[in-house]
Each structure stands twice: as C-alpha cells, then as structure tokens.
Amino acid sequence: MRIAMAYRKKAASEKEKKRTVKGFLEGRLGLTDENMQERLEKQAELIVLKKGDTFIRTGENADRLYFLLEGAVMGWRENPEGRMQADCFLVRSGEPVISDGKIGQISPVNFSMLTPGRLLAFPSGEIRMEMESSPELIRRYTEDLLECMRRCMGVRIICQRSARERYEWFLQEYGGSKYKIPDKYIASFLNMAPETLSRIKKEV
C-alpha cells in the first residue's frame, strides 16, 4: 500500500458537523454539560480521509486528539528494512486514535487509513483543559487508556505463543469487524511470515 504523507479533508456542512459532534459527545463520551458541548463543538473538526492517507506521523507532536467515526485505521512503524510494521488496528466507531494513552505528546507511531473513513478531531489542549473540570471526561478517558493498555499488553503476551494461538487471538479481537484488514498487515502485526498466516487460515 502506498501511504500518502498528507491527509485530505472534506468540509462538512455546519448542520452535519453539529449533529455529529453532539451525538458523539453525548453518546460516546457521555457529556451532558451543554456549555462544554458548545465549547468543544466550536473546536471540533470533522475530517474525511481516503484509503492510504496518513494523518499522524512518527515524531509529530499530537496537537489534536482524533476519534474514529467510520473506517479502519492502522498504527505502524518502519522496521530496519524500511518496511511497514503494523503496531495496532482501530476498527470500532468511537475509538480514540492513541498508541500509548497520552494526549498531546510526540507520537511514537504513524497512523494511516486502511479504508476510506471519517474522523472527529479536537485540539489536545482543549481536551486537557476540559478534563480538569469534568469527572465525566476523566472517567471516559481512563476507560480508553485502560483499553489501550489491555490491547498493547495482549499483543505482547500473545506474540510469545504459537502462530495459531496468535491468529485465534486476532480473530477474537478483530474478527467481528466489517472492515477487511489485508493479510500482509495481519502477518506483520502478529510477527509471522505471510506464508504461515495463509497456512493457519486454511486450518482454522
């Protein structure tokens, strides 16, 4: 896959943006404070991306916090051979695009779209400021942080097991997604050769 090193934005109508942001803040983050909703709505950006677009690059300061609305995202690093090494996948609507749970820090990985999709972005500084006065926002962020840690630890532990067990774990985590992740990235993520993955898929 050729990764575009610039992302493309499509302007959403104000009505669509307001509806999307309000539904996200109430439904996903559980925020009911109308004043906070209004402040975050003014800062929010609704972004439409194409397959292959990279919207966060390794070493960049994450000045915005992204949430996945539609599509599939891959976090990846470049290995010593210059190839893409899959680090994580995001396929669930509402997931924050974070690799280590830190808001506004230098990103250790790249994030690119595996499919066309939509993201909702908020300035990291604004989110941190709102968290200082919102137990709801802190609670939700803590839940997301714990889920991020669970997945990171999960893949590290599972990669010490057999290739078949690794793939079975992957199916449990991502098998229900409507988005198809290419086998070459699954193999990279599970630290196995593409030929090994192909053989296991025939056996499972």
N, C-alpha and C. Protein backbone atom coordinates (compact mmCIF):
# COMPACT_ATOMS: atom_id res chain seq x y z
N MET A 1 0.84 -1.21 0.00
CA MET A 1 0.00 0.00 0.00
C MET A 1 0.87 1.25 0.00
N ARG A 2 0.60 2.15 -0.87
CA ARG A 2 1.34 3.41 -0.92
C ARG A 2 0.70 4.37 0.08
N ILE A 3 1.47 4.80 1.06
CA ILE A 3 0.95 5.69 2.10
C ILE A 3 1.13 7.14 1.69
N ALA A 4 0.04 7.86 1.62
CA ALA A 4 0.09 9.29 1.32
C ALA A 4 0.53 10.02 2.57
N MET A 5 1.53 10.88 2.46
CA MET A 5 2.05 11.56 3.63
C MET A 5 1.36 12.91 3.87
N ALA A 6 0.19 13.04 3.37
CA ALA A 6 -0.64 14.20 3.68
C ALA A 6 -2.08 13.73 3.66
N TYR A 7 -2.86 14.23 4.59
CA TYR A 7 -4.24 13.80 4.61
C TYR A 7 -5.13 14.82 3.91
N ARG A 8 -6.27 14.33 3.45
CA ARG A 8 -7.19 15.18 2.71
C ARG A 8 -8.44 15.41 3.53
N LYS A 9 -8.87 16.63 3.56
CA LYS A 9 -10.05 16.99 4.34
C LYS A 9 -11.19 17.40 3.40
N LYS A 10 -12.38 17.06 3.80
CA LYS A 10 -13.57 17.49 3.05
C LYS A 10 -14.47 18.25 4.02
N ALA A 11 -14.76 19.45 3.68
CA ALA A 11 -15.55 20.27 4.58
C ALA A 11 -16.95 19.71 4.75
N ALA A 12 -17.38 19.61 5.98
CA ALA A 12 -18.73 19.15 6.28
C ALA A 12 -19.61 20.38 6.50
N SER A 13 -20.86 20.26 6.21
CA SER A 13 -21.77 21.37 6.46
C SER A 13 -21.85 21.60 7.97
N GLU A 14 -22.15 22.82 8.35
CA GLU A 14 -22.25 23.14 9.77
C GLU A 14 -23.34 22.30 10.45
N LYS A 15 -24.42 22.06 9.73
CA LYS A 15 -25.51 21.26 10.29
C LYS A 15 -25.07 19.83 10.54
N GLU A 16 -24.36 19.25 9.57
CA GLU A 16 -23.87 17.88 9.71
C GLU A 16 -22.85 17.79 10.84
N LYS A 17 -21.94 18.76 10.89
CA LYS A 17 -20.91 18.77 11.92
C LYS A 17 -21.54 18.87 13.31
N LYS A 18 -22.50 19.78 13.48
CA LYS A 18 -23.12 19.97 14.78
C LYS A 18 -23.84 18.70 15.22
N ARG A 19 -24.54 18.07 14.30
CA ARG A 19 -25.26 16.83 14.62
C ARG A 19 -24.29 15.71 15.01
N THR A 20 -23.21 15.60 14.25
CA THR A 20 -22.23 14.54 14.51
C THR A 20 -21.52 14.75 15.84
N VAL A 21 -21.08 15.99 16.09
CA VAL A 21 -20.35 16.30 17.32
C VAL A 21 -21.23 16.11 18.54
N LYS A 22 -22.45 16.61 18.47
CA LYS A 22 -23.37 16.49 19.60
C LYS A 22 -23.66 15.01 19.91
N GLY A 23 -23.92 14.23 18.85
CA GLY A 23 -24.20 12.81 19.05
C GLY A 23 -23.00 12.08 19.63
N PHE A 24 -21.80 12.46 19.19
CA PHE A 24 -20.59 11.82 19.70
C PHE A 24 -20.35 12.18 21.16
N LEU A 25 -20.44 13.46 21.49
CA LEU A 25 -20.18 13.89 22.86
C LEU A 25 -21.15 13.28 23.85
N GLU A 26 -22.40 13.18 23.46
CA GLU A 26 -23.40 12.62 24.37
C GLU A 26 -23.35 11.09 24.38
N GLY A 27 -23.30 10.50 23.19
CA GLY A 27 -23.38 9.05 23.09
C GLY A 27 -22.09 8.33 23.42
N ARG A 28 -20.96 8.86 22.93
CA ARG A 28 -19.68 8.18 23.13
C ARG A 28 -18.98 8.61 24.41
N LEU A 29 -18.94 9.91 24.68
CA LEU A 29 -18.23 10.41 25.85
C LEU A 29 -19.13 10.62 27.06
N GLY A 30 -20.45 10.58 26.84
CA GLY A 30 -21.37 10.74 27.97
C GLY A 30 -21.40 12.14 28.54
N LEU A 31 -21.09 13.14 27.73
CA LEU A 31 -21.06 14.52 28.21
C LEU A 31 -22.43 15.17 28.03
N THR A 32 -22.98 15.66 29.11
CA THR A 32 -24.31 16.28 29.07
C THR A 32 -24.26 17.78 29.34
N ASP A 33 -23.12 18.28 29.75
CA ASP A 33 -22.96 19.70 30.04
C ASP A 33 -23.06 20.47 28.73
N GLU A 34 -24.11 21.26 28.57
CA GLU A 34 -24.35 21.96 27.31
C GLU A 34 -23.28 23.00 27.02
N ASN A 35 -22.77 23.67 28.06
CA ASN A 35 -21.72 24.67 27.85
C ASN A 35 -20.44 24.02 27.34
N MET A 36 -20.11 22.86 27.91
CA MET A 36 -18.92 22.13 27.46
C MET A 36 -19.13 21.63 26.04
N GLN A 37 -20.32 21.15 25.75
CA GLN A 37 -20.63 20.68 24.40
C GLN A 37 -20.42 21.81 23.39
N GLU A 38 -20.89 22.99 23.74
CA GLU A 38 -20.78 24.14 22.83
C GLU A 38 -19.33 24.52 22.60
N ARG A 39 -18.52 24.50 23.68
CA ARG A 39 -17.11 24.85 23.54
C ARG A 39 -16.38 23.83 22.66
N LEU A 40 -16.63 22.55 22.89
CA LEU A 40 -15.95 21.51 22.12
C LEU A 40 -16.44 21.49 20.67
N GLU A 41 -17.71 21.80 20.47
CA GLU A 41 -18.25 21.82 19.11
C GLU A 41 -17.56 22.88 18.26
N LYS A 42 -17.26 24.02 18.86
CA LYS A 42 -16.60 25.10 18.13
C LYS A 42 -15.18 24.70 17.72
N GLN A 43 -14.56 23.85 18.54
CA GLN A 43 -13.17 23.45 18.29
C GLN A 43 -13.06 22.20 17.42
N ALA A 44 -14.17 21.48 17.28
CA ALA A 44 -14.14 20.17 16.59
C ALA A 44 -13.95 20.33 15.09
N GLU A 45 -13.35 19.31 14.50
CA GLU A 45 -13.16 19.27 13.05
C GLU A 45 -13.57 17.89 12.55
N LEU A 46 -14.48 17.86 11.60
CA LEU A 46 -14.93 16.61 11.00
C LEU A 46 -14.11 16.38 9.73
N ILE A 47 -13.37 15.29 9.70
CA ILE A 47 -12.40 15.04 8.62
C ILE A 47 -12.76 13.79 7.85
N VAL A 48 -12.75 13.88 6.55
CA VAL A 48 -12.99 12.74 5.66
C VAL A 48 -11.66 12.38 5.00
N LEU A 49 -11.28 11.11 5.09
CA LEU A 49 -9.99 10.66 4.57
C LEU A 49 -10.16 9.53 3.56
N LYS A 50 -9.17 9.41 2.69
CA LYS A 50 -9.16 8.35 1.69
C LYS A 50 -8.28 7.19 2.16
N LYS A 51 -8.48 6.05 1.57
CA LYS A 51 -7.63 4.90 1.85
C LYS A 51 -6.17 5.26 1.56
N GLY A 52 -5.30 4.97 2.52
CA GLY A 52 -3.88 5.25 2.35
C GLY A 52 -3.43 6.57 2.94
N ASP A 53 -4.36 7.45 3.32
CA ASP A 53 -3.97 8.73 3.90
C ASP A 53 -3.34 8.52 5.28
N THR A 54 -2.20 9.17 5.51
CA THR A 54 -1.55 9.18 6.82
C THR A 54 -1.86 10.51 7.49
N PHE A 55 -2.45 10.46 8.67
CA PHE A 55 -2.86 11.70 9.33
C PHE A 55 -2.08 11.99 10.60
N ILE A 56 -1.32 11.02 11.10
CA ILE A 56 -0.37 11.24 12.20
C ILE A 56 0.94 10.57 11.80
N ARG A 57 2.05 11.26 11.97
CA ARG A 57 3.35 10.70 11.60
C ARG A 57 4.23 10.57 12.83
N THR A 58 5.10 9.58 12.80
CA THR A 58 6.04 9.36 13.88
C THR A 58 6.86 10.63 14.14
N GLY A 59 6.96 11.01 15.41
CA GLY A 59 7.77 12.18 15.78
C GLY A 59 7.01 13.48 15.79
N GLU A 60 5.78 13.47 15.28
CA GLU A 60 4.98 14.70 15.29
C GLU A 60 4.36 14.91 16.67
N ASN A 61 4.22 16.16 17.03
CA ASN A 61 3.51 16.49 18.27
C ASN A 61 2.02 16.34 18.01
N ALA A 62 1.37 15.49 18.79
CA ALA A 62 -0.06 15.22 18.58
C ALA A 62 -0.88 16.39 19.14
N ASP A 63 -1.01 17.44 18.33
CA ASP A 63 -1.72 18.63 18.80
C ASP A 63 -3.23 18.48 18.69
N ARG A 64 -3.68 17.36 18.10
CA ARG A 64 -5.11 17.08 18.04
C ARG A 64 -5.38 15.64 18.49
N LEU A 65 -6.52 15.44 19.11
CA LEU A 65 -6.94 14.11 19.52
C LEU A 65 -8.02 13.66 18.55
N TYR A 66 -7.77 12.55 17.87
CA TYR A 66 -8.69 12.03 16.86
C TYR A 66 -9.53 10.89 17.42
N PHE A 67 -10.77 10.85 16.97
CA PHE A 67 -11.66 9.73 17.27
C PHE A 67 -12.17 9.16 15.95
N LEU A 68 -12.16 7.85 15.85
CA LEU A 68 -12.60 7.19 14.63
C LEU A 68 -14.13 7.13 14.59
N LEU A 69 -14.71 7.62 13.51
CA LEU A 69 -16.15 7.53 13.32
C LEU A 69 -16.51 6.40 12.37
N GLU A 70 -15.80 6.33 11.25
CA GLU A 70 -16.03 5.28 10.25
C GLU A 70 -14.69 4.89 9.63
N GLY A 71 -14.57 3.60 9.29
CA GLY A 71 -13.38 3.13 8.60
C GLY A 71 -12.46 2.33 9.49
N ALA A 72 -11.30 1.98 8.96
CA ALA A 72 -10.29 1.20 9.68
C ALA A 72 -8.96 1.93 9.61
N VAL A 73 -8.27 1.97 10.75
CA VAL A 73 -7.00 2.68 10.88
C VAL A 73 -5.91 1.70 11.30
N MET A 74 -4.72 1.89 10.79
CA MET A 74 -3.57 1.10 11.23
C MET A 74 -2.49 2.01 11.80
N GLY A 75 -2.01 1.66 13.00
CA GLY A 75 -0.82 2.30 13.54
C GLY A 75 0.38 1.48 13.11
N TRP A 76 1.44 2.12 12.66
CA TRP A 76 2.59 1.36 12.14
C TRP A 76 3.90 2.11 12.33
N ARG A 77 4.97 1.31 12.32
CA ARG A 77 6.33 1.83 12.40
C ARG A 77 7.10 1.33 11.18
N GLU A 78 8.20 1.96 10.90
CA GLU A 78 9.07 1.49 9.82
C GLU A 78 10.17 0.63 10.43
N ASN A 79 10.28 -0.62 9.97
CA ASN A 79 11.29 -1.52 10.53
C ASN A 79 12.66 -1.22 9.92
N PRO A 80 13.73 -1.86 10.42
CA PRO A 80 15.08 -1.57 9.92
C PRO A 80 15.25 -1.78 8.42
N GLU A 81 14.40 -2.64 7.84
CA GLU A 81 14.48 -2.88 6.39
C GLU A 81 13.68 -1.85 5.59
N GLY A 82 13.07 -0.90 6.30
CA GLY A 82 12.29 0.13 5.62
C GLY A 82 10.87 -0.28 5.29
N ARG A 83 10.41 -1.40 5.86
CA ARG A 83 9.06 -1.88 5.61
C ARG A 83 8.12 -1.48 6.75
N MET A 84 6.83 -1.48 6.43
CA MET A 84 5.83 -1.13 7.43
C MET A 84 5.61 -2.29 8.41
N GLN A 85 5.73 -1.98 9.69
CA GLN A 85 5.48 -2.96 10.75
C GLN A 85 4.21 -2.54 11.48
N ALA A 86 3.15 -3.33 11.33
CA ALA A 86 1.87 -2.98 11.95
C ALA A 86 1.99 -3.00 13.46
N ASP A 87 1.50 -1.94 14.10
CA ASP A 87 1.58 -1.80 15.56
C ASP A 87 0.23 -1.99 16.22
N CYS A 88 -0.84 -1.54 15.57
CA CYS A 88 -2.19 -1.68 16.12
C CYS A 88 -3.21 -1.42 15.02
N PHE A 89 -4.44 -1.85 15.28
CA PHE A 89 -5.55 -1.59 14.36
C PHE A 89 -6.70 -0.97 15.15
N LEU A 90 -7.40 -0.05 14.51
CA LEU A 90 -8.60 0.56 15.09
C LEU A 90 -9.74 0.37 14.10
N VAL A 91 -10.79 -0.29 14.54
CA VAL A 91 -11.90 -0.59 13.64
C VAL A 91 -13.27 -0.28 14.26
N ARG A 92 -13.29 0.12 15.52
CA ARG A 92 -14.56 0.34 16.22
C ARG A 92 -14.90 1.82 16.24
N SER A 93 -16.12 2.14 15.87
CA SER A 93 -16.56 3.54 15.86
C SER A 93 -16.47 4.11 17.28
N GLY A 94 -15.87 5.31 17.38
CA GLY A 94 -15.75 5.97 18.67
C GLY A 94 -14.40 5.79 19.33
N GLU A 95 -13.56 4.91 18.78
CA GLU A 95 -12.25 4.67 19.39
C GLU A 95 -11.35 5.89 19.24
N PRO A 96 -10.61 6.25 20.31
CA PRO A 96 -9.62 7.32 20.18
C PRO A 96 -8.39 6.78 19.47
N VAL A 97 -7.77 7.61 18.64
CA VAL A 97 -6.58 7.19 17.91
C VAL A 97 -5.37 7.53 18.77
N ILE A 98 -5.03 6.62 19.68
CA ILE A 98 -3.89 6.79 20.57
C ILE A 98 -3.12 5.48 20.62
N SER A 99 -1.80 5.57 20.74
CA SER A 99 -0.99 4.36 20.80
C SER A 99 -0.52 4.06 22.21
N ASP A 100 -0.38 5.10 23.03
CA ASP A 100 0.14 4.88 24.38
C ASP A 100 -0.68 5.59 25.45
N GLY A 101 -1.85 6.11 25.08
CA GLY A 101 -2.72 6.73 26.07
C GLY A 101 -2.40 8.16 26.41
N LYS A 102 -1.40 8.75 25.78
CA LYS A 102 -1.00 10.11 26.12
C LYS A 102 -1.61 11.12 25.16
N ILE A 103 -2.15 12.20 25.73
CA ILE A 103 -2.74 13.25 24.92
C ILE A 103 -1.72 14.36 24.70
N GLY A 104 -1.56 14.75 23.44
CA GLY A 104 -0.71 15.90 23.15
C GLY A 104 0.78 15.62 23.21
N GLN A 105 1.21 14.36 23.20
CA GLN A 105 2.62 14.02 23.26
C GLN A 105 3.14 13.66 21.86
N ILE A 106 4.44 13.49 21.75
CA ILE A 106 5.04 13.07 20.49
C ILE A 106 4.55 11.67 20.15
N SER A 107 4.09 11.48 18.93
CA SER A 107 3.57 10.18 18.52
C SER A 107 4.71 9.21 18.22
N PRO A 108 4.68 8.00 18.82
CA PRO A 108 5.73 7.01 18.53
C PRO A 108 5.45 6.21 17.26
N VAL A 109 4.25 6.36 16.70
CA VAL A 109 3.88 5.59 15.51
C VAL A 109 3.17 6.48 14.49
N ASN A 110 3.08 5.97 13.26
CA ASN A 110 2.27 6.60 12.21
C ASN A 110 0.86 6.02 12.28
N PHE A 111 -0.12 6.80 11.85
CA PHE A 111 -1.49 6.30 11.73
C PHE A 111 -2.00 6.60 10.33
N SER A 112 -2.47 5.54 9.66
CA SER A 112 -2.94 5.66 8.28
C SER A 112 -4.27 4.95 8.12
N MET A 113 -5.04 5.37 7.12
CA MET A 113 -6.33 4.76 6.84
C MET A 113 -6.13 3.49 6.00
N LEU A 114 -6.73 2.39 6.45
CA LEU A 114 -6.77 1.17 5.65
C LEU A 114 -7.96 1.17 4.70
N THR A 115 -8.93 2.01 4.99
CA THR A 115 -10.13 2.16 4.18
C THR A 115 -10.48 3.65 4.14
N PRO A 116 -11.38 4.06 3.26
CA PRO A 116 -11.91 5.41 3.39
C PRO A 116 -12.61 5.54 4.75
N GLY A 117 -12.60 6.73 5.32
CA GLY A 117 -13.24 6.87 6.63
C GLY A 117 -13.41 8.31 7.05
N ARG A 118 -13.97 8.45 8.25
CA ARG A 118 -14.19 9.78 8.84
C ARG A 118 -13.63 9.80 10.26
N LEU A 119 -13.05 10.94 10.62
CA LEU A 119 -12.53 11.15 11.96
C LEU A 119 -13.10 12.43 12.53
N LEU A 120 -13.16 12.47 13.85
CA LEU A 120 -13.54 13.69 14.56
C LEU A 120 -12.32 14.12 15.36
N ALA A 121 -11.89 15.37 15.18
CA ALA A 121 -10.66 15.83 15.83
C ALA A 121 -10.95 17.02 16.74
N PHE A 122 -10.28 16.99 17.91
CA PHE A 122 -10.37 18.09 18.86
C PHE A 122 -8.95 18.51 19.23
N PRO A 123 -8.72 19.81 19.46
CA PRO A 123 -7.39 20.24 19.91
C PRO A 123 -7.03 19.56 21.23
N SER A 124 -5.83 19.01 21.33
CA SER A 124 -5.42 18.29 22.54
C SER A 124 -5.47 19.20 23.77
N GLY A 125 -5.03 20.44 23.59
CA GLY A 125 -5.03 21.38 24.71
C GLY A 125 -6.42 21.63 25.25
N GLU A 126 -7.41 21.72 24.34
CA GLU A 126 -8.79 21.95 24.75
C GLU A 126 -9.32 20.76 25.54
N ILE A 127 -8.99 19.54 25.08
CA ILE A 127 -9.44 18.34 25.79
C ILE A 127 -8.83 18.29 27.19
N ARG A 128 -7.54 18.57 27.31
CA ARG A 128 -6.89 18.56 28.63
C ARG A 128 -7.52 19.59 29.55
N MET A 129 -7.82 20.77 29.01
CA MET A 129 -8.42 21.83 29.81
C MET A 129 -9.80 21.42 30.32
N GLU A 130 -10.60 20.80 29.44
CA GLU A 130 -11.94 20.39 29.84
C GLU A 130 -11.89 19.25 30.86
N MET A 131 -10.88 18.40 30.77
CA MET A 131 -10.75 17.29 31.71
C MET A 131 -10.53 17.77 33.13
N GLU A 132 -9.95 18.96 33.29
CA GLU A 132 -9.68 19.50 34.63
C GLU A 132 -10.96 19.76 35.41
N SER A 133 -12.06 19.97 34.69
CA SER A 133 -13.31 20.30 35.38
C SER A 133 -14.43 19.31 35.08
N SER A 134 -14.09 18.20 34.44
CA SER A 134 -15.14 17.25 34.05
C SER A 134 -14.83 15.82 34.50
N PRO A 135 -15.47 15.36 35.59
CA PRO A 135 -15.30 13.97 36.01
C PRO A 135 -15.75 12.99 34.93
N GLU A 136 -16.76 13.38 34.14
CA GLU A 136 -17.27 12.51 33.07
C GLU A 136 -16.18 12.25 32.03
N LEU A 137 -15.49 13.33 31.64
CA LEU A 137 -14.46 13.22 30.62
C LEU A 137 -13.26 12.43 31.14
N ILE A 138 -12.89 12.66 32.40
CA ILE A 138 -11.79 11.93 33.00
C ILE A 138 -12.11 10.44 33.08
N ARG A 139 -13.33 10.12 33.46
CA ARG A 139 -13.74 8.71 33.57
C ARG A 139 -13.65 8.03 32.20
N ARG A 140 -14.15 8.71 31.18
CA ARG A 140 -14.15 8.10 29.86
C ARG A 140 -12.72 7.94 29.33
N TYR A 141 -11.90 8.94 29.56
CA TYR A 141 -10.51 8.86 29.10
C TYR A 141 -9.77 7.73 29.82
N THR A 142 -10.04 7.57 31.12
CA THR A 142 -9.41 6.49 31.89
C THR A 142 -9.82 5.13 31.33
N GLU A 143 -11.08 4.99 30.95
CA GLU A 143 -11.55 3.73 30.36
C GLU A 143 -10.83 3.47 29.04
N ASP A 144 -10.68 4.51 28.22
CA ASP A 144 -9.98 4.35 26.94
C ASP A 144 -8.51 4.00 27.15
N LEU A 145 -7.89 4.62 28.17
CA LEU A 145 -6.49 4.36 28.47
C LEU A 145 -6.31 2.91 28.90
N LEU A 146 -7.20 2.42 29.76
CA LEU A 146 -7.11 1.03 30.21
C LEU A 146 -7.30 0.06 29.05
N GLU A 147 -8.21 0.39 28.13
CA GLU A 147 -8.44 -0.48 26.97
C GLU A 147 -7.21 -0.48 26.07
N CYS A 148 -6.59 0.68 25.91
CA CYS A 148 -5.37 0.78 25.10
C CYS A 148 -4.27 -0.08 25.72
N MET A 149 -4.12 -0.01 27.04
CA MET A 149 -3.09 -0.79 27.73
C MET A 149 -3.40 -2.28 27.63
N ARG A 150 -4.68 -2.65 27.70
CA ARG A 150 -5.06 -4.06 27.61
C ARG A 150 -4.66 -4.64 26.26
N ARG A 151 -4.91 -3.88 25.21
CA ARG A 151 -4.58 -4.37 23.87
C ARG A 151 -3.07 -4.45 23.66
N CYS A 152 -2.35 -3.43 24.14
CA CYS A 152 -0.89 -3.44 23.98
C CYS A 152 -0.29 -4.62 24.72
N MET A 153 -0.73 -4.84 25.94
CA MET A 153 -0.21 -5.97 26.71
C MET A 153 -0.65 -7.28 26.08
N GLY A 154 -1.87 -7.31 25.56
CA GLY A 154 -2.40 -8.53 24.95
C GLY A 154 -1.57 -9.00 23.79
N VAL A 155 -1.22 -8.08 22.89
CA VAL A 155 -0.46 -8.48 21.71
C VAL A 155 0.97 -8.85 22.08
N ARG A 156 1.53 -8.21 23.10
CA ARG A 156 2.89 -8.55 23.53
C ARG A 156 2.93 -9.95 24.13
N ILE A 157 1.91 -10.27 24.92
CA ILE A 157 1.85 -11.59 25.54
C ILE A 157 1.58 -12.67 24.50
N ILE A 158 0.62 -12.39 23.61
CA ILE A 158 0.21 -13.41 22.64
C ILE A 158 1.32 -13.70 21.64
N CYS A 159 2.19 -12.72 21.37
CA CYS A 159 3.25 -12.94 20.40
C CYS A 159 4.33 -13.89 20.91
N GLN A 160 4.23 -14.27 22.19
CA GLN A 160 5.14 -15.28 22.74
C GLN A 160 4.58 -16.69 22.55
N ARG A 161 3.37 -16.79 22.04
CA ARG A 161 2.72 -18.08 21.86
C ARG A 161 2.83 -18.56 20.42
N SER A 162 2.19 -19.69 20.15
CA SER A 162 2.29 -20.27 18.81
C SER A 162 1.60 -19.38 17.78
N ALA A 163 1.95 -19.58 16.51
CA ALA A 163 1.35 -18.79 15.44
C ALA A 163 -0.16 -18.97 15.40
N ARG A 164 -0.62 -20.19 15.61
CA ARG A 164 -2.06 -20.46 15.58
C ARG A 164 -2.77 -19.71 16.71
N GLU A 165 -2.18 -19.73 17.91
CA GLU A 165 -2.79 -19.02 19.04
C GLU A 165 -2.82 -17.52 18.79
N ARG A 166 -1.80 -17.01 18.14
CA ARG A 166 -1.77 -15.58 17.81
C ARG A 166 -2.93 -15.22 16.87
N TYR A 167 -3.13 -16.05 15.85
CA TYR A 167 -4.20 -15.75 14.90
C TYR A 167 -5.57 -15.91 15.55
N GLU A 168 -5.74 -16.88 16.40
CA GLU A 168 -7.02 -17.07 17.09
C GLU A 168 -7.31 -15.87 17.99
N TRP A 169 -6.27 -15.33 18.63
CA TRP A 169 -6.44 -14.11 19.44
C TRP A 169 -6.87 -12.95 18.55
N PHE A 170 -6.25 -12.84 17.38
CA PHE A 170 -6.60 -11.77 16.45
C PHE A 170 -8.08 -11.86 16.05
N LEU A 171 -8.54 -13.06 15.78
CA LEU A 171 -9.94 -13.24 15.41
C LEU A 171 -10.88 -12.81 16.54
N GLN A 172 -10.50 -13.08 17.78
CA GLN A 172 -11.32 -12.68 18.92
C GLN A 172 -11.39 -11.16 19.03
N GLU A 173 -10.28 -10.50 18.75
CA GLU A 173 -10.22 -9.05 18.89
C GLU A 173 -10.82 -8.31 17.70
N TYR A 174 -10.59 -8.82 16.49
CA TYR A 174 -10.94 -8.07 15.30
C TYR A 174 -11.83 -8.83 14.30
N GLY A 175 -12.10 -10.09 14.59
CA GLY A 175 -12.83 -10.91 13.63
C GLY A 175 -14.24 -10.43 13.33
N GLY A 176 -14.84 -9.69 14.25
CA GLY A 176 -16.21 -9.23 14.04
C GLY A 176 -16.31 -7.94 13.25
N SER A 177 -15.18 -7.36 12.87
CA SER A 177 -15.21 -6.09 12.15
C SER A 177 -15.72 -6.27 10.73
N LYS A 178 -16.44 -5.27 10.25
CA LYS A 178 -16.93 -5.31 8.86
C LYS A 178 -15.85 -4.87 7.89
N TYR A 179 -14.72 -4.38 8.43
CA TYR A 179 -13.63 -3.92 7.57
C TYR A 179 -12.58 -5.02 7.45
N LYS A 180 -12.19 -5.33 6.22
CA LYS A 180 -11.19 -6.38 5.98
C LYS A 180 -9.79 -5.79 6.10
N ILE A 181 -8.98 -6.38 6.97
CA ILE A 181 -7.59 -5.98 7.12
C ILE A 181 -6.73 -6.87 6.24
N PRO A 182 -5.91 -6.30 5.36
CA PRO A 182 -5.09 -7.12 4.46
C PRO A 182 -4.20 -8.10 5.22
N ASP A 183 -4.04 -9.29 4.66
CA ASP A 183 -3.27 -10.34 5.32
C ASP A 183 -1.83 -9.93 5.61
N LYS A 184 -1.23 -9.14 4.72
CA LYS A 184 0.17 -8.77 4.93
C LYS A 184 0.35 -7.94 6.19
N TYR A 185 -0.68 -7.16 6.54
CA TYR A 185 -0.59 -6.36 7.76
C TYR A 185 -0.92 -7.20 9.00
N ILE A 186 -1.83 -8.15 8.84
CA ILE A 186 -2.12 -9.07 9.95
C ILE A 186 -0.87 -9.87 10.29
N ALA A 187 -0.19 -10.39 9.27
CA ALA A 187 1.03 -11.17 9.48
C ALA A 187 2.10 -10.32 10.16
N SER A 188 2.24 -9.08 9.71
CA SER A 188 3.21 -8.18 10.31
C SER A 188 2.87 -7.91 11.77
N PHE A 189 1.61 -7.67 12.04
CA PHE A 189 1.13 -7.37 13.40
C PHE A 189 1.37 -8.55 14.34
N LEU A 190 1.16 -9.77 13.85
CA LEU A 190 1.30 -10.97 14.67
C LEU A 190 2.71 -11.56 14.62
N ASN A 191 3.61 -10.86 13.95
CA ASN A 191 5.01 -11.27 13.89
C ASN A 191 5.16 -12.68 13.32
N MET A 192 4.59 -12.88 12.14
CA MET A 192 4.73 -14.17 11.45
C MET A 192 4.86 -13.93 9.96
N ALA A 193 5.37 -14.91 9.25
CA ALA A 193 5.51 -14.80 7.81
C ALA A 193 4.14 -14.89 7.13
N PRO A 194 3.93 -14.19 6.02
CA PRO A 194 2.64 -14.27 5.30
C PRO A 194 2.28 -15.70 4.93
N GLU A 195 3.27 -16.52 4.61
CA GLU A 195 3.01 -17.91 4.26
C GLU A 195 2.47 -18.69 5.45
N THR A 196 2.97 -18.38 6.64
CA THR A 196 2.49 -19.04 7.86
C THR A 196 1.04 -18.65 8.12
N LEU A 197 0.72 -17.37 7.96
CA LEU A 197 -0.65 -16.92 8.15
C LEU A 197 -1.59 -17.61 7.18
N SER A 198 -1.18 -17.71 5.91
CA SER A 198 -2.00 -18.36 4.89
C SER A 198 -2.29 -19.81 5.25
N ARG A 199 -1.30 -20.51 5.77
CA ARG A 199 -1.49 -21.91 6.16
C ARG A 199 -2.44 -22.03 7.34
N ILE A 200 -2.28 -21.15 8.32
CA ILE A 200 -3.13 -21.21 9.52
C ILE A 200 -4.58 -20.90 9.17
N LYS A 201 -4.79 -19.92 8.29
CA LYS A 201 -6.16 -19.57 7.90
C LYS A 201 -6.88 -20.75 7.27
N LYS A 202 -6.16 -21.61 6.58
CA LYS A 202 -6.77 -22.79 5.98
C LYS A 202 -7.13 -23.85 7.02
N GLU A 203 -6.40 -23.81 8.16
CA GLU A 203 -6.60 -24.81 9.20
C GLU A 203 -7.69 -24.40 10.18
N VAL A 204 -7.83 -23.10 10.41
CA VAL A 204 -8.80 -22.62 11.41
C VAL A 204 -10.22 -22.69 10.88
